[in-house]
N, C-alpha and C. Protein backbone atom coordinates (compact mmCIF):
# COMPACT_ATOMS: atom_id res chain seq x y z
N MET A 1 -12.05 1.28 -13.24
CA MET A 1 -11.07 1.43 -12.20
C MET A 1 -9.96 0.39 -12.41
N THR A 2 -8.72 0.80 -12.17
CA THR A 2 -7.58 -0.08 -12.31
C THR A 2 -7.56 -1.10 -11.19
N LYS A 3 -7.26 -2.35 -11.52
CA LYS A 3 -7.36 -3.43 -10.54
C LYS A 3 -6.02 -3.95 -10.04
N THR A 4 -4.90 -3.39 -10.51
CA THR A 4 -3.60 -3.86 -10.04
C THR A 4 -2.98 -2.81 -9.12
N LEU A 5 -2.04 -3.26 -8.31
CA LEU A 5 -1.34 -2.34 -7.42
C LEU A 5 -0.59 -1.30 -8.23
N LEU A 6 0.14 -1.72 -9.25
CA LEU A 6 0.88 -0.78 -10.08
C LEU A 6 -0.07 0.20 -10.76
N GLY A 7 -1.20 -0.30 -11.25
CA GLY A 7 -2.18 0.57 -11.88
C GLY A 7 -2.69 1.65 -10.94
N ARG A 8 -2.98 1.27 -9.70
CA ARG A 8 -3.43 2.24 -8.69
C ARG A 8 -2.34 3.26 -8.39
N ILE A 9 -1.11 2.80 -8.29
CA ILE A 9 0.01 3.72 -8.01
C ILE A 9 0.14 4.74 -9.13
N VAL A 10 0.15 4.28 -10.37
CA VAL A 10 0.28 5.18 -11.52
C VAL A 10 -0.91 6.13 -11.60
N GLU A 11 -2.09 5.60 -11.35
CA GLU A 11 -3.32 6.40 -11.37
C GLU A 11 -3.28 7.54 -10.36
N ASN A 12 -2.73 7.27 -9.18
CA ASN A 12 -2.75 8.26 -8.10
C ASN A 12 -1.46 9.05 -7.93
N TYR A 13 -0.30 8.46 -8.29
CA TYR A 13 0.99 9.11 -8.02
C TYR A 13 1.89 9.24 -9.24
N ARG A 14 1.50 8.67 -10.36
CA ARG A 14 2.24 8.68 -11.62
C ARG A 14 3.48 7.79 -11.62
N THR A 15 4.23 7.74 -10.51
CA THR A 15 5.44 6.91 -10.48
C THR A 15 5.54 6.17 -9.14
N ILE A 16 6.28 5.07 -9.17
CA ILE A 16 6.55 4.34 -7.93
C ILE A 16 7.37 5.21 -7.00
N ARG A 17 8.28 5.98 -7.55
CA ARG A 17 9.13 6.87 -6.74
C ARG A 17 8.28 7.85 -5.94
N ALA A 18 7.31 8.48 -6.59
CA ALA A 18 6.44 9.44 -5.90
C ALA A 18 5.59 8.75 -4.83
N PHE A 19 5.10 7.56 -5.14
CA PHE A 19 4.31 6.81 -4.17
C PHE A 19 5.16 6.40 -2.97
N ALA A 20 6.37 5.92 -3.22
CA ALA A 20 7.27 5.52 -2.14
C ALA A 20 7.58 6.71 -1.23
N ALA A 21 7.77 7.89 -1.82
CA ALA A 21 8.05 9.09 -1.03
C ALA A 21 6.84 9.43 -0.16
N ALA A 22 5.65 9.37 -0.72
CA ALA A 22 4.43 9.66 0.05
C ALA A 22 4.23 8.64 1.16
N LEU A 23 4.65 7.42 0.91
CA LEU A 23 4.52 6.33 1.87
C LEU A 23 5.61 6.38 2.94
N GLY A 24 6.70 7.08 2.61
CA GLY A 24 7.83 7.13 3.54
C GLY A 24 8.61 5.82 3.54
N MET A 25 8.61 5.16 2.40
CA MET A 25 9.26 3.86 2.28
C MET A 25 10.32 3.92 1.19
N ASN A 26 11.32 3.08 1.29
CA ASN A 26 12.37 2.99 0.30
C ASN A 26 11.77 2.58 -1.05
N GLU A 27 12.17 3.28 -2.11
CA GLU A 27 11.61 3.01 -3.44
C GLU A 27 11.87 1.57 -3.89
N GLN A 28 13.05 1.05 -3.62
CA GLN A 28 13.37 -0.32 -4.03
C GLN A 28 12.46 -1.34 -3.34
N LYS A 29 12.15 -1.09 -2.08
CA LYS A 29 11.25 -2.00 -1.37
C LYS A 29 9.86 -1.97 -2.01
N VAL A 30 9.38 -0.78 -2.35
CA VAL A 30 8.07 -0.68 -3.01
C VAL A 30 8.11 -1.40 -4.35
N ARG A 31 9.20 -1.26 -5.08
CA ARG A 31 9.33 -1.96 -6.37
C ARG A 31 9.29 -3.48 -6.18
N ARG A 32 9.94 -3.97 -5.12
CA ARG A 32 9.91 -5.41 -4.85
C ARG A 32 8.50 -5.87 -4.50
N ILE A 33 7.78 -5.06 -3.74
CA ILE A 33 6.39 -5.40 -3.38
C ILE A 33 5.52 -5.43 -4.63
N VAL A 34 5.64 -4.38 -5.44
CA VAL A 34 4.83 -4.29 -6.67
C VAL A 34 5.15 -5.44 -7.61
N GLY A 35 6.43 -5.81 -7.69
CA GLY A 35 6.85 -6.89 -8.59
C GLY A 35 6.60 -8.29 -8.05
N GLY A 36 6.17 -8.38 -6.79
CA GLY A 36 5.86 -9.68 -6.21
C GLY A 36 7.05 -10.40 -5.60
N ALA A 37 8.21 -9.72 -5.53
CA ALA A 37 9.40 -10.35 -4.97
C ALA A 37 9.42 -10.26 -3.44
N GLN A 38 8.61 -9.38 -2.87
CA GLN A 38 8.56 -9.22 -1.42
C GLN A 38 7.11 -9.03 -1.00
N GLU A 39 6.74 -9.65 0.11
CA GLU A 39 5.40 -9.51 0.66
C GLU A 39 5.37 -8.30 1.59
N PRO A 40 4.36 -7.45 1.49
CA PRO A 40 4.25 -6.34 2.43
C PRO A 40 3.74 -6.84 3.78
N THR A 41 4.12 -6.11 4.83
CA THR A 41 3.59 -6.43 6.15
C THR A 41 2.14 -5.94 6.21
N ALA A 42 1.43 -6.37 7.23
CA ALA A 42 0.04 -5.92 7.39
C ALA A 42 -0.03 -4.41 7.55
N SER A 43 0.88 -3.83 8.32
CA SER A 43 0.85 -2.37 8.51
C SER A 43 1.19 -1.65 7.21
N GLU A 44 2.07 -2.23 6.38
CA GLU A 44 2.38 -1.63 5.08
C GLU A 44 1.16 -1.69 4.15
N ILE A 45 0.43 -2.80 4.21
CA ILE A 45 -0.79 -2.93 3.41
C ILE A 45 -1.78 -1.84 3.79
N LEU A 46 -1.97 -1.64 5.08
CA LEU A 46 -2.90 -0.60 5.54
C LEU A 46 -2.46 0.79 5.08
N ALA A 47 -1.18 1.09 5.20
CA ALA A 47 -0.66 2.39 4.79
C ALA A 47 -0.84 2.60 3.29
N MET A 48 -0.52 1.57 2.49
CA MET A 48 -0.68 1.68 1.04
C MET A 48 -2.15 1.83 0.66
N ALA A 49 -3.00 1.06 1.30
CA ALA A 49 -4.43 1.14 1.00
C ALA A 49 -4.96 2.55 1.27
N ARG A 50 -4.54 3.14 2.37
CA ARG A 50 -4.98 4.49 2.71
C ARG A 50 -4.54 5.49 1.63
N LEU A 51 -3.28 5.41 1.23
CA LEU A 51 -2.77 6.35 0.23
C LEU A 51 -3.37 6.14 -1.15
N LEU A 52 -3.78 4.91 -1.43
CA LEU A 52 -4.36 4.60 -2.74
C LEU A 52 -5.88 4.64 -2.73
N HIS A 53 -6.45 5.08 -1.62
CA HIS A 53 -7.90 5.23 -1.49
C HIS A 53 -8.63 3.90 -1.70
N VAL A 54 -8.04 2.84 -1.14
CA VAL A 54 -8.65 1.51 -1.19
C VAL A 54 -9.36 1.30 0.14
N GLU A 55 -10.61 1.01 0.08
CA GLU A 55 -11.40 0.81 1.30
C GLU A 55 -11.17 -0.58 1.87
N ILE A 56 -10.92 -0.64 3.15
CA ILE A 56 -10.81 -1.92 3.85
C ILE A 56 -12.01 -1.98 4.79
N PRO A 57 -12.94 -2.90 4.53
CA PRO A 57 -14.13 -2.97 5.38
C PRO A 57 -13.76 -3.09 6.86
N GLU A 58 -14.54 -2.45 7.70
CA GLU A 58 -14.26 -2.40 9.14
C GLU A 58 -14.13 -3.78 9.76
N ASP A 59 -14.98 -4.73 9.39
CA ASP A 59 -14.88 -6.08 9.93
C ASP A 59 -13.53 -6.72 9.59
N MET A 60 -13.10 -6.53 8.36
CA MET A 60 -11.83 -7.08 7.92
C MET A 60 -10.68 -6.45 8.69
N ARG A 61 -10.74 -5.13 8.88
CA ARG A 61 -9.71 -4.41 9.63
C ARG A 61 -9.65 -4.94 11.07
N ASN A 62 -10.80 -5.10 11.70
CA ASN A 62 -10.85 -5.56 13.08
C ASN A 62 -10.38 -7.00 13.24
N LEU A 63 -10.70 -7.85 12.28
CA LEU A 63 -10.33 -9.25 12.37
C LEU A 63 -8.86 -9.52 12.05
N PHE A 64 -8.35 -8.86 11.02
CA PHE A 64 -7.03 -9.21 10.52
C PHE A 64 -5.94 -8.18 10.80
N PHE A 65 -6.32 -6.94 11.07
CA PHE A 65 -5.32 -5.89 11.22
C PHE A 65 -5.41 -5.16 12.56
N ALA A 66 -6.12 -5.69 13.50
CA ALA A 66 -6.36 -5.00 14.77
C ALA A 66 -5.07 -4.67 15.52
N ASP A 67 -4.08 -5.51 15.42
CA ASP A 67 -2.84 -5.30 16.17
C ASP A 67 -1.79 -4.50 15.41
N CYS A 68 -2.11 -4.05 14.21
CA CYS A 68 -1.13 -3.32 13.40
C CYS A 68 -1.08 -1.86 13.82
N PRO A 69 0.14 -1.31 13.90
CA PRO A 69 0.24 0.12 14.17
C PRO A 69 -0.33 0.91 13.01
N GLN A 70 -1.02 1.99 13.30
CA GLN A 70 -1.64 2.81 12.25
C GLN A 70 -0.65 3.86 11.79
N LYS A 71 0.00 3.62 10.65
CA LYS A 71 0.93 4.59 10.07
C LYS A 71 0.19 5.40 9.03
N VAL A 72 0.69 6.59 8.78
CA VAL A 72 0.16 7.52 7.77
C VAL A 72 -1.17 8.05 8.17
């Protein structure tokens, strides 16, 4: 299994553009996040994790992401 964000995106969506469209986010913002130039918000992390089939343990979700709006 691929262990990087870019690897997961390519594995599941082939391009950052396709992933950004599925996410409903600006492609340039996704590129900045992938490149490390911008930090994603907690709600963006949750949305990306869902689309990339990354499991977030329930305890972790309740402790750190409880107040985040559930997008996607």
